[in-house]
């Protein structure tokens, strides 16, 4: 499985409630509609560890595909990349991490 993790902050002065309205509706639907997506979630980061660690990012999005070919077809799709370039304008600093999940377990 391939997992895309995006960690990010909002730009200075952008109201969080306005961002959340967009992120929880239109943008969530867009993430779910990317070709091959099996699962996607969005989180607000509320704590950092160890205690006293400086916060780095406020939000996290994860998106999962079954395999590398599905990820490449879905994420690097021209239409997805064009939309992503516009969506990134809503963010401040960000980091994209692409990982291959080697083991997975459920509680």
PDB file of N, CA and C in Angstrom:
ATOM      1  N   UNK A   1       0.852  -1.177   0.000  1.00  0.00           N
ATOM      2  CA  UNK A   1       0.000   0.000   0.000  1.00  0.00           C
ATOM      3  C   UNK A   1       0.893   1.234   0.000  1.00  0.00           C
ATOM      4  N   UNK A   2       0.473   2.253  -0.707  1.00  0.00           N
ATOM      5  CA  UNK A   2       1.179   3.526  -0.742  1.00  0.00           C
ATOM      6  C   UNK A   2       0.343   4.551   0.020  1.00  0.00           C
ATOM      7  N   UNK A   3       1.007   5.266   0.920  1.00  0.00           N
ATOM      8  CA  UNK A   3       0.332   6.282   1.736  1.00  0.00           C
ATOM      9  C   UNK A   3       0.973   7.636   1.478  1.00  0.00           C
ATOM     10  N   UNK A   4       0.136   8.589   1.127  1.00  0.00           N
ATOM     11  CA  UNK A   4       0.555   9.977   1.012  1.00  0.00           C
ATOM     12  C   UNK A   4       0.165  10.668   2.310  1.00  0.00           C
ATOM     13  N   UNK A   5       1.113  11.305   2.962  1.00  0.00           N
ATOM     14  CA  UNK A   5       0.845  12.095   4.165  1.00  0.00           C
ATOM     15  C   UNK A   5       1.231  13.525   3.858  1.00  0.00           C
ATOM     16  N   UNK A   6       0.316  14.441   4.120  1.00  0.00           N
ATOM     17  CA  UNK A   6       0.583  15.858   3.914  1.00  0.00           C
ATOM     18  C   UNK A   6       0.425  16.547   5.262  1.00  0.00           C
ATOM     19  N   UNK A   7       1.475  17.201   5.707  1.00  0.00           N
ATOM     20  CA  UNK A   7       1.470  17.968   6.951  1.00  0.00           C
ATOM     21  C   UNK A   7       1.527  19.438   6.564  1.00  0.00           C
ATOM     22  N   UNK A   8       0.699  20.270   7.210  1.00  0.00           N
ATOM     23  CA  UNK A   8       0.673  21.659   6.760  1.00  0.00           C
ATOM     24  C   UNK A   8       0.085  22.608   7.784  1.00  0.00           C
ATOM     25  N   UNK A   9       0.356  23.877   7.527  1.00  0.00           N
ATOM     26  CA  UNK A   9      -0.188  24.998   8.287  1.00  0.00           C
ATOM     27  C   UNK A   9      -0.944  25.900   7.327  1.00  0.00           C
ATOM     28  N   UNK A  10      -1.707  26.794   7.894  1.00  0.00           N
ATOM     29  CA  UNK A  10      -2.383  27.811   7.090  1.00  0.00           C
ATOM     30  C   UNK A  10      -1.488  29.028   6.968  1.00  0.00           C
ATOM     31  N   UNK A  11      -1.651  29.781   5.898  1.00  0.00           N
ATOM     32  CA  UNK A  11      -0.874  31.015   5.787  1.00  0.00           C
ATOM     33  C   UNK A  11      -1.319  32.023   6.847  1.00  0.00           C
ATOM     34  N   UNK A  12      -0.432  32.897   7.187  1.00  0.00           N
ATOM     35  CA  UNK A  12      -0.723  33.951   8.170  1.00  0.00           C
ATOM     36  C   UNK A  12      -1.989  34.699   7.766  1.00  0.00           C
ATOM     37  N   UNK A  13      -2.903  34.833   8.708  1.00  0.00           N
ATOM     38  CA  UNK A  13      -4.113  35.612   8.473  1.00  0.00           C
ATOM     39  C   UNK A  13      -5.289  34.846   7.905  1.00  0.00           C
ATOM     40  N   UNK A  14      -5.107  33.591   7.497  1.00  0.00           N
ATOM     41  CA  UNK A  14      -6.243  32.830   6.971  1.00  0.00           C
ATOM     42  C   UNK A  14      -7.062  32.270   8.133  1.00  0.00           C
ATOM     43  N   UNK A  15      -8.350  32.585   8.192  1.00  0.00           N
ATOM     44  CA  UNK A  15      -9.183  32.072   9.280  1.00  0.00           C
ATOM     45  C   UNK A  15      -9.345  30.549   9.194  1.00  0.00           C
ATOM     46  N   UNK A  16      -9.118  29.891  10.320  1.00  0.00           N
ATOM     47  CA  UNK A  16      -9.204  28.434  10.346  1.00  0.00           C
ATOM     48  C   UNK A  16     -10.615  27.959  10.032  1.00  0.00           C
ATOM     49  N   UNK A  17     -11.641  28.653  10.509  1.00  0.00           N
ATOM     50  CA  UNK A  17     -13.009  28.189  10.269  1.00  0.00           C
ATOM     51  C   UNK A  17     -13.370  28.218   8.786  1.00  0.00           C
ATOM     52  N   UNK A  18     -12.894  29.212   8.052  1.00  0.00           N
ATOM     53  CA  UNK A  18     -13.134  29.288   6.609  1.00  0.00           C
ATOM     54  C   UNK A  18     -12.425  28.143   5.896  1.00  0.00           C
ATOM     55  N   UNK A  19     -11.183  27.897   6.293  1.00  0.00           N
ATOM     56  CA  UNK A  19     -10.429  26.792   5.713  1.00  0.00           C
ATOM     57  C   UNK A  19     -11.132  25.468   5.977  1.00  0.00           C
ATOM     58  N   UNK A  20     -11.563  25.241   7.218  1.00  0.00           N
ATOM     59  CA  UNK A  20     -12.207  23.976   7.571  1.00  0.00           C
ATOM     60  C   UNK A  20     -13.500  23.758   6.790  1.00  0.00           C
ATOM     61  N   UNK A  21     -14.234  24.801   6.552  1.00  0.00           N
ATOM     62  CA  UNK A  21     -15.470  24.679   5.766  1.00  0.00           C
ATOM     63  C   UNK A  21     -15.157  24.114   4.379  1.00  0.00           C
ATOM     64  N   UNK A  22     -14.113  24.622   3.740  1.00  0.00           N
ATOM     65  CA  UNK A  22     -13.690  24.141   2.419  1.00  0.00           C
ATOM     66  C   UNK A  22     -13.077  22.744   2.520  1.00  0.00           C
ATOM     67  N   UNK A  23     -12.198  22.540   3.511  1.00  0.00           N
ATOM     68  CA  UNK A  23     -11.448  21.289   3.615  1.00  0.00           C
ATOM     69  C   UNK A  23     -12.342  20.102   3.928  1.00  0.00           C
ATOM     70  N   UNK A  24     -13.370  20.309   4.746  1.00  0.00           N
ATOM     71  CA  UNK A  24     -14.259  19.221   5.162  1.00  0.00           C
ATOM     72  C   UNK A  24     -15.349  18.915   4.143  1.00  0.00           C
ATOM     73  N   UNK A  25     -15.476  19.740   3.134  1.00  0.00           N
ATOM     74  CA  UNK A  25     -16.521  19.504   2.130  1.00  0.00           C
ATOM     75  C   UNK A  25     -15.887  19.298   0.752  1.00  0.00           C
ATOM     76  N   UNK A  26     -15.727  20.357  -0.001  1.00  0.00           N
ATOM     77  CA  UNK A  26     -15.246  20.267  -1.377  1.00  0.00           C
ATOM     78  C   UNK A  26     -13.916  19.514  -1.486  1.00  0.00           C
ATOM     79  N   UNK A  27     -12.960  19.874  -0.669  1.00  0.00           N
ATOM     80  CA  UNK A  27     -11.640  19.249  -0.806  1.00  0.00           C
ATOM     81  C   UNK A  27     -11.653  17.781  -0.385  1.00  0.00           C
ATOM     82  N   UNK A  28     -12.432  17.453   0.630  1.00  0.00           N
ATOM     83  CA  UNK A  28     -12.527  16.043   1.030  1.00  0.00           C
ATOM     84  C   UNK A  28     -13.118  15.210  -0.109  1.00  0.00           C
ATOM     85  N   UNK A  29     -14.151  15.723  -0.739  1.00  0.00           N
ATOM     86  CA  UNK A  29     -14.751  15.014  -1.879  1.00  0.00           C
ATOM     87  C   UNK A  29     -13.743  14.847  -3.017  1.00  0.00           C
ATOM     88  N   UNK A  30     -12.938  15.890  -3.264  1.00  0.00           N
ATOM     89  CA  UNK A  30     -11.913  15.793  -4.317  1.00  0.00           C
ATOM     90  C   UNK A  30     -10.883  14.720  -3.983  1.00  0.00           C
ATOM     91  N   UNK A  31     -10.452  14.655  -2.729  1.00  0.00           N
ATOM     92  CA  UNK A  31      -9.492  13.623  -2.335  1.00  0.00           C
ATOM     93  C   UNK A  31     -10.086  12.232  -2.529  1.00  0.00           C
ATOM     94  N   UNK A  32     -11.327  12.047  -2.111  1.00  0.00           N
ATOM     95  CA  UNK A  32     -11.997  10.754  -2.238  1.00  0.00           C
ATOM     96  C   UNK A  32     -12.162  10.347  -3.696  1.00  0.00           C
ATOM     97  N   UNK A  33     -12.265  11.327  -4.589  1.00  0.00           N
ATOM     98  CA  UNK A  33     -12.521  11.058  -6.002  1.00  0.00           C
ATOM     99  C   UNK A  33     -11.252  10.816  -6.816  1.00  0.00           C
ATOM    100  N   UNK A  34     -10.078  11.001  -6.222  1.00  0.00           N
ATOM    101  CA  UNK A  34      -8.857  10.721  -6.984  1.00  0.00           C
ATOM    102  C   UNK A  34      -8.861   9.256  -7.416  1.00  0.00           C
ATOM    103  N   UNK A  35      -8.428   8.976  -8.634  1.00  0.00           N
ATOM    104  CA  UNK A  35      -8.431   7.595  -9.117  1.00  0.00           C
ATOM    105  C   UNK A  35      -7.673   6.655  -8.178  1.00  0.00           C
ATOM    106  N   UNK A  36      -8.320   5.527  -7.847  1.00  0.00           N
ATOM    107  CA  UNK A  36      -7.681   4.477  -7.075  1.00  0.00           C
ATOM    108  C   UNK A  36      -7.625   4.664  -5.574  1.00  0.00           C
ATOM    109  N   UNK A  37      -8.126   5.780  -5.047  1.00  0.00           N
ATOM    110  CA  UNK A  37      -8.041   6.026  -3.602  1.00  0.00           C
ATOM    111  C   UNK A  37      -8.870   4.993  -2.844  1.00  0.00           C
ATOM    112  N   UNK A  38      -8.226   4.356  -1.871  1.00  0.00           N
ATOM    113  CA  UNK A  38      -8.901   3.375  -1.010  1.00  0.00           C
ATOM    114  C   UNK A  38      -9.423   4.031   0.268  1.00  0.00           C
ATOM    115  N   UNK A  39      -8.668   5.011   0.768  1.00  0.00           N
ATOM    116  CA  UNK A  39      -9.013   5.624   2.052  1.00  0.00           C
ATOM    117  C   UNK A  39      -8.331   6.984   2.124  1.00  0.00           C
ATOM    118  N   UNK A  40      -9.000   7.936   2.753  1.00  0.00           N
ATOM    119  CA  UNK A  40      -8.394   9.230   3.012  1.00  0.00           C
ATOM    120  C   UNK A  40      -8.968   9.793   4.301  1.00  0.00           C
ATOM    121  N   UNK A  41      -8.130  10.488   5.044  1.00  0.00           N
ATOM    122  CA  UNK A  41      -8.626  11.151   6.244  1.00  0.00           C
ATOM    123  C   UNK A  41      -7.927  12.486   6.435  1.00  0.00           C
ATOM    124  N   UNK A  42      -8.496  13.275   7.306  1.00  0.00           N
ATOM    125  CA  UNK A  42      -8.009  14.622   7.593  1.00  0.00           C
ATOM    126  C   UNK A  42      -8.041  14.799   9.097  1.00  0.00           C
ATOM    127  N   UNK A  43      -7.002  15.394   9.652  1.00  0.00           N
ATOM    128  CA  UNK A  43      -6.943  15.579  11.098  1.00  0.00           C
ATOM    129  C   UNK A  43      -6.369  16.953  11.441  1.00  0.00           C
ATOM    130  N   UNK A  44      -6.842  17.460  12.569  1.00  0.00           N
ATOM    131  CA  UNK A  44      -6.245  18.651  13.159  1.00  0.00           C
ATOM    132  C   UNK A  44      -5.290  18.151  14.240  1.00  0.00           C
ATOM    133  N   UNK A  45      -4.062  18.558  14.179  1.00  0.00           N
ATOM    134  CA  UNK A  45      -3.064  18.122  15.161  1.00  0.00           C
ATOM    135  C   UNK A  45      -3.299  18.908  16.442  1.00  0.00           C
ATOM    136  N   UNK A  46      -3.514  18.179  17.534  1.00  0.00           N
ATOM    137  CA  UNK A  46      -3.873  18.826  18.802  1.00  0.00           C
ATOM    138  C   UNK A  46      -2.791  18.735  19.876  1.00  0.00           C
ATOM    139  N   UNK A  47      -1.843  17.815  19.705  1.00  0.00           N
ATOM    140  CA  UNK A  47      -0.786  17.665  20.694  1.00  0.00           C
ATOM    141  C   UNK A  47       0.516  17.295  20.003  1.00  0.00           C
ATOM    142  N   UNK A  48       1.601  17.515  20.721  1.00  0.00           N
ATOM    143  CA  UNK A  48       2.923  17.135  20.249  1.00  0.00           C
ATOM    144  C   UNK A  48       3.628  16.404  21.379  1.00  0.00           C
ATOM    145  N   UNK A  49       4.518  15.540  21.010  1.00  0.00           N
ATOM    146  CA  UNK A  49       5.270  14.791  22.001  1.00  0.00           C
ATOM    147  C   UNK A  49       6.726  14.778  21.589  1.00  0.00           C
ATOM    148  N   UNK A  50       7.645  14.828  22.500  1.00  0.00           N
ATOM    149  CA  UNK A  50       7.464  14.847  23.952  1.00  0.00           C
ATOM    150  C   UNK A  50       6.906  16.184  24.423  1.00  0.00           C
ATOM    151  N   UNK A  51       6.443  16.186  25.647  1.00  0.00           N
ATOM    152  CA  UNK A  51       5.892  17.398  26.248  1.00  0.00           C
ATOM    153  C   UNK A  51       6.897  18.531  26.062  1.00  0.00           C
ATOM    154  N   UNK A  52       6.393  19.652  25.627  1.00  0.00           N
ATOM    155  CA  UNK A  52       7.264  20.802  25.403  1.00  0.00           C
ATOM    156  C   UNK A  52       7.829  20.890  24.001  1.00  0.00           C
ATOM    157  N   UNK A  53       7.584  19.873  23.165  1.00  0.00           N
ATOM    158  CA  UNK A  53       8.070  19.920  21.780  1.00  0.00           C
ATOM    159  C   UNK A  53       7.395  21.074  21.053  1.00  0.00           C
ATOM    160  N   UNK A  54       8.135  21.728  20.218  1.00  0.00           N
ATOM    161  CA  UNK A  54       7.585  22.840  19.462  1.00  0.00           C
ATOM    162  C   UNK A  54       6.673  22.315  18.356  1.00  0.00           C
ATOM    163  N   UNK A  55       5.457  22.829  18.273  1.00  0.00           N
ATOM    164  CA  UNK A  55       4.557  22.397  17.196  1.00  0.00           C
ATOM    165  C   UNK A  55       5.140  22.760  15.833  1.00  0.00           C
ATOM    166  N   UNK A  56       5.008  21.847  14.897  1.00  0.00           N
ATOM    167  CA  UNK A  56       5.502  22.097  13.549  1.00  0.00           C
ATOM    168  C   UNK A  56       4.355  22.334  12.587  1.00  0.00           C
ATOM    169  N   UNK A  57       3.347  21.448  12.636  1.00  0.00           N
ATOM    170  CA  UNK A  57       2.224  21.547  11.708  1.00  0.00           C
ATOM    171  C   UNK A  57       0.911  21.479  12.474  1.00  0.00           C
ATOM    172  N   UNK A  58      -0.126  22.073  11.894  1.00  0.00           N
ATOM    173  CA  UNK A  58      -1.458  22.127  12.508  1.00  0.00           C
ATOM    174  C   UNK A  58      -2.399  21.064  11.935  1.00  0.00           C
ATOM    175  N   UNK A  59      -2.200  20.655  10.665  1.00  0.00           N
ATOM    176  CA  UNK A  59      -3.122  19.735  10.008  1.00  0.00           C
ATOM    177  C   UNK A  59      -2.381  18.587   9.337  1.00  0.00           C
ATOM    178  N   UNK A  60      -3.113  17.473   9.165  1.00  0.00           N
ATOM    179  CA  UNK A  60      -2.556  16.298   8.493  1.00  0.00           C
ATOM    180  C   UNK A  60      -3.633  15.663   7.622  1.00  0.00           C
ATOM    181  N   UNK A  61      -3.257  15.349   6.398  1.00  0.00           N
ATOM    182  CA  UNK A  61      -4.115  14.587   5.487  1.00  0.00           C
ATOM    183  C   UNK A  61      -3.368  13.318   5.112  1.00  0.00           C
ATOM    184  N   UNK A  62      -4.073  12.197   5.091  1.00  0.00           N
ATOM    185  CA  UNK A  62      -3.495  10.969   4.568  1.00  0.00           C
ATOM    186  C   UNK A  62      -4.414  10.423   3.486  1.00  0.00           C
ATOM    187  N   UNK A  63      -3.783   9.853   2.464  1.00  0.00           N
ATOM    188  CA  UNK A  63      -4.513   9.237   1.362  1.00  0.00           C
ATOM    189  C   UNK A  63      -3.787   7.938   1.047  1.00  0.00           C
ATOM    190  N   UNK A  64      -4.551   6.866   0.817  1.00  0.00           N
ATOM    191  CA  UNK A  64      -3.951   5.557   0.579  1.00  0.00           C
ATOM    192  C   UNK A  64      -4.432   4.941  -0.727  1.00  0.00           C
ATOM    193  N   UNK A  65      -3.472   4.293  -1.410  1.00  0.00           N
ATOM    194  CA  UNK A  65      -3.724   3.547  -2.634  1.00  0.00           C
ATOM    195  C   UNK A  65      -3.221   2.121  -2.448  1.00  0.00           C
ATOM    196  N   UNK A  66      -3.753   1.181  -3.196  1.00  0.00           N
ATOM    197  CA  UNK A  66      -3.397  -0.236  -3.044  1.00  0.00           C
ATOM    198  C   UNK A  66      -1.933  -0.524  -3.371  1.00  0.00           C
ATOM    199  N   UNK A  67      -1.385   0.174  -4.376  1.00  0.00           N
ATOM    200  CA  UNK A  67      -0.023  -0.127  -4.811  1.00  0.00           C
ATOM    201  C   UNK A  67       0.561   1.093  -5.519  1.00  0.00           C
ATOM    202  N   UNK A  68       1.816   0.988  -5.893  1.00  0.00           N
ATOM    203  CA  UNK A  68       2.527   2.121  -6.499  1.00  0.00           C
ATOM    204  C   UNK A  68       1.912   2.526  -7.833  1.00  0.00           C
ATOM    205  N   UNK A  69       1.516   1.560  -8.641  1.00  0.00           N
ATOM    206  CA  UNK A  69       0.918   1.894  -9.931  1.00  0.00           C
ATOM    207  C   UNK A  69      -0.376   2.680  -9.749  1.00  0.00           C
ATOM    208  N   UNK A  70      -1.209   2.272  -8.791  1.00  0.00           N
ATOM    209  CA  UNK A  70      -2.456   2.997  -8.516  1.00  0.00           C
ATOM    210  C   UNK A  70      -2.167   4.407  -8.021  1.00  0.00           C
ATOM    211  N   UNK A  71      -1.163   4.534  -7.158  1.00  0.00           N
ATOM    212  CA  UNK A  71      -0.763   5.858  -6.657  1.00  0.00           C
ATOM    213  C   UNK A  71      -0.304   6.743  -7.822  1.00  0.00           C
ATOM    214  N   UNK A  72       0.603   6.221  -8.642  1.00  0.00           N
ATOM    215  CA  UNK A  72       1.116   7.004  -9.766  1.00  0.00           C
ATOM    216  C   UNK A  72      -0.004   7.450 -10.692  1.00  0.00           C
ATOM    217  N   UNK A  73      -0.920   6.535 -11.011  1.00  0.00           N
ATOM    218  CA  UNK A  73      -2.047   6.856 -11.885  1.00  0.00           C
ATOM    219  C   UNK A  73      -2.983   7.877 -11.252  1.00  0.00           C
ATOM    220  N   UNK A  74      -3.194   7.776  -9.935  1.00  0.00           N
ATOM    221  CA  UNK A  74      -4.130   8.660  -9.252  1.00  0.00           C
ATOM    222  C   UNK A  74      -3.551  10.003  -8.882  1.00  0.00           C
ATOM    223  N   UNK A  75      -2.404   9.994  -8.224  1.00  0.00           N
ATOM    224  CA  UNK A  75      -1.835  11.243  -7.713  1.00  0.00           C
ATOM    225  C   UNK A  75      -1.151  12.061  -8.800  1.00  0.00           C
ATOM    226  N   UNK A  76      -0.422  11.410  -9.687  1.00  0.00           N
ATOM    227  CA  UNK A  76       0.304  12.134 -10.725  1.00  0.00           C
ATOM    228  C   UNK A  76      -0.535  12.384 -11.975  1.00  0.00           C
ATOM    229  N   UNK A  77      -1.822  12.075 -11.882  1.00  0.00           N
ATOM    230  CA  UNK A  77      -2.789  12.367 -12.928  1.00  0.00           C
ATOM    231  C   UNK A  77      -2.749  13.876 -13.226  1.00  0.00           C
ATOM    232  N   UNK A  78      -2.743  14.257 -14.502  1.00  0.00           N
ATOM    233  CA  UNK A  78      -2.624  15.677 -14.875  1.00  0.00           C
ATOM    234  C   UNK A  78      -3.712  16.543 -14.248  1.00  0.00           C
ATOM    235  N   UNK A  79      -4.951  16.060 -14.243  1.00  0.00           N
ATOM    236  CA  UNK A  79      -6.049  16.844 -13.672  1.00  0.00           C
ATOM    237  C   UNK A  79      -5.882  17.009 -12.163  1.00  0.00           C
ATOM    238  N   UNK A  80      -5.439  15.951 -11.484  1.00  0.00           N
ATOM    239  CA  UNK A  80      -5.217  16.015 -10.034  1.00  0.00           C
ATOM    240  C   UNK A  80      -4.099  17.008  -9.729  1.00  0.00           C
ATOM    241  N   UNK A  81      -3.015  16.961 -10.474  1.00  0.00           N
ATOM    242  CA  UNK A  81      -1.901  17.870 -10.238  1.00  0.00           C
ATOM    243  C   UNK A  81      -2.287  19.325 -10.521  1.00  0.00           C
ATOM    244  N   UNK A  82      -3.090  19.547 -11.538  1.00  0.00           N
ATOM    245  CA  UNK A  82      -3.543  20.913 -11.837  1.00  0.00           C
ATOM    246  C   UNK A  82      -4.386  21.456 -10.694  1.00  0.00           C
ATOM    247  N   UNK A  83      -5.303  20.632 -10.189  1.00  0.00           N
ATOM    248  CA  UNK A  83      -6.145  21.045  -9.058  1.00  0.00           C
ATOM    249  C   UNK A  83      -5.294  21.244  -7.813  1.00  0.00           C
ATOM    250  N   UNK A  84      -4.340  20.356  -7.586  1.00  0.00           N
ATOM    251  CA  UNK A  84      -3.470  20.453  -6.421  1.00  0.00           C
ATOM    252  C   UNK A  84      -2.689  21.762  -6.421  1.00  0.00           C
ATOM    253  N   UNK A  85      -2.200  22.177  -7.571  1.00  0.00           N
ATOM    254  CA  UNK A  85      -1.433  23.425  -7.621  1.00  0.00           C
ATOM    255  C   UNK A  85      -2.278  24.620  -7.178  1.00  0.00           C
ATOM    256  N   UNK A  86      -3.564  24.597  -7.471  1.00  0.00           N
ATOM    257  CA  UNK A  86      -4.468  25.655  -7.003  1.00  0.00           C
ATOM    258  C   UNK A  86      -4.746  25.521  -5.512  1.00  0.00           C
ATOM    259  N   UNK A  87      -4.958  24.287  -5.061  1.00  0.00           N
ATOM    260  CA  UNK A  87      -5.266  24.053  -3.645  1.00  0.00           C
ATOM    261  C   UNK A  87      -4.096  24.437  -2.739  1.00  0.00           C
ATOM    262  N   UNK A  88      -2.889  24.255  -3.218  1.00  0.00           N
ATOM    263  CA  UNK A  88      -1.713  24.582  -2.401  1.00  0.00           C
ATOM    264  C   UNK A  88      -1.629  26.069  -2.084  1.00  0.00           C
ATOM    265  N   UNK A  89      -2.299  26.890  -2.876  1.00  0.00           N
ATOM    266  CA  UNK A  89      -2.337  28.320  -2.608  1.00  0.00           C
ATOM    267  C   UNK A  89      -3.078  28.635  -1.309  1.00  0.00           C
ATOM    268  N   UNK A  90      -3.900  27.700  -0.833  1.00  0.00           N
ATOM    269  CA  UNK A  90      -4.641  27.892   0.411  1.00  0.00           C
ATOM    270  C   UNK A  90      -3.798  27.552   1.649  1.00  0.00           C
ATOM    271  N   UNK A  91      -2.626  26.944   1.421  1.00  0.00           N
ATOM    272  CA  UNK A  91      -1.796  26.489   2.526  1.00  0.00           C
ATOM    273  C   UNK A  91      -0.622  27.423   2.762  1.00  0.00           C
ATOM    274  N   UNK A  92      -0.102  27.348   3.980  1.00  0.00           N
ATOM    275  CA  UNK A  92       1.157  28.022   4.302  1.00  0.00           C
ATOM    276  C   UNK A  92       2.274  27.044   3.986  1.00  0.00           C
ATOM    277  N   UNK A  93       3.091  26.730   4.998  1.00  0.00           N
ATOM    278  CA  UNK A  93       4.152  25.752   4.764  1.00  0.00           C
ATOM    279  C   UNK A  93       3.569  24.342   4.819  1.00  0.00           C
ATOM    280  N   UNK A  94       4.199  23.432   4.074  1.00  0.00           N
ATOM    281  CA  UNK A  94       3.682  22.066   3.990  1.00  0.00           C
ATOM    282  C   UNK A  94       4.803  21.103   3.642  1.00  0.00           C
ATOM    283  N   UNK A  95       4.532  19.825   3.924  1.00  0.00           N
ATOM    284  CA  UNK A  95       5.448  18.745   3.565  1.00  0.00           C
ATOM    285  C   UNK A  95       4.625  17.572   3.063  1.00  0.00           C
ATOM    286  N   UNK A  96       5.020  17.011   1.928  1.00  0.00           N
ATOM    287  CA  UNK A  96       4.397  15.812   1.367  1.00  0.00           C
ATOM    288  C   UNK A  96       5.345  14.648   1.615  1.00  0.00           C
ATOM    289  N   UNK A  97       4.829  13.566   2.182  1.00  0.00           N
ATOM    290  CA  UNK A  97       5.621  12.361   2.425  1.00  0.00           C
ATOM    291  C   UNK A  97       4.906  11.200   1.747  1.00  0.00           C
ATOM    292  N   UNK A  98       5.617  10.473   0.896  1.00  0.00           N
ATOM    293  CA  UNK A  98       5.058   9.312   0.209  1.00  0.00           C
ATOM    294  C   UNK A  98       5.754   8.085   0.781  1.00  0.00           C
ATOM    295  N   UNK A  99       4.962   7.160   1.339  1.00  0.00           N
ATOM    296  CA  UNK A  99       5.562   5.992   1.987  1.00  0.00           C
ATOM    297  C   UNK A  99       4.925   4.713   1.493  1.00  0.00           C
ATOM    298  N   UNK A 100       5.726   3.645   1.528  1.00  0.00           N
ATOM    299  CA  UNK A 100       5.250   2.320   1.230  1.00  0.00           C
ATOM    300  C   UNK A 100       4.988   1.638   2.566  1.00  0.00           C
ATOM    301  N   UNK A 101       3.747   1.264   2.812  1.00  0.00           N
ATOM    302  CA  UNK A 101       3.382   0.609   4.063  1.00  0.00           C
ATOM    303  C   UNK A 101       3.804  -0.848   3.955  1.00  0.00           C
ATOM    304  N   UNK A 102       4.699  -1.266   4.847  1.00  0.00           N
ATOM    305  CA  UNK A 102       5.237  -2.621   4.796  1.00  0.00           C
ATOM    306  C   UNK A 102       4.478  -3.595   5.687  1.00  0.00           C
ATOM    307  N   UNK A 103       3.848  -3.087   6.725  1.00  0.00           N
ATOM    308  CA  UNK A 103       3.032  -3.935   7.599  1.00  0.00           C
ATOM    309  C   UNK A 103       1.898  -3.074   8.140  1.00  0.00           C
ATOM    310  N   UNK A 104       0.744  -3.675   8.296  1.00  0.00           N
ATOM    311  CA  UNK A 104      -0.430  -2.966   8.786  1.00  0.00           C
ATOM    312  C   UNK A 104      -1.159  -3.898   9.733  1.00  0.00           C
ATOM    313  N   UNK A 105      -1.676  -3.355  10.801  1.00  0.00           N
ATOM    314  CA  UNK A 105      -2.475  -4.170  11.715  1.00  0.00           C
ATOM    315  C   UNK A 105      -3.625  -3.330  12.249  1.00  0.00           C
ATOM    316  N   UNK A 106      -4.673  -3.991  12.640  1.00  0.00           N
ATOM    317  CA  UNK A 106      -5.827  -3.329  13.239  1.00  0.00           C
ATOM    318  C   UNK A 106      -5.999  -3.883  14.642  1.00  0.00           C
ATOM    319  N   UNK A 107      -6.293  -2.960  15.569  1.00  0.00           N
ATOM    320  CA  UNK A 107      -6.447  -3.286  16.985  1.00  0.00           C
ATOM    321  C   UNK A 107      -7.191  -4.534  17.193  1.00  0.00           C
TER     322      UNK A 107
END
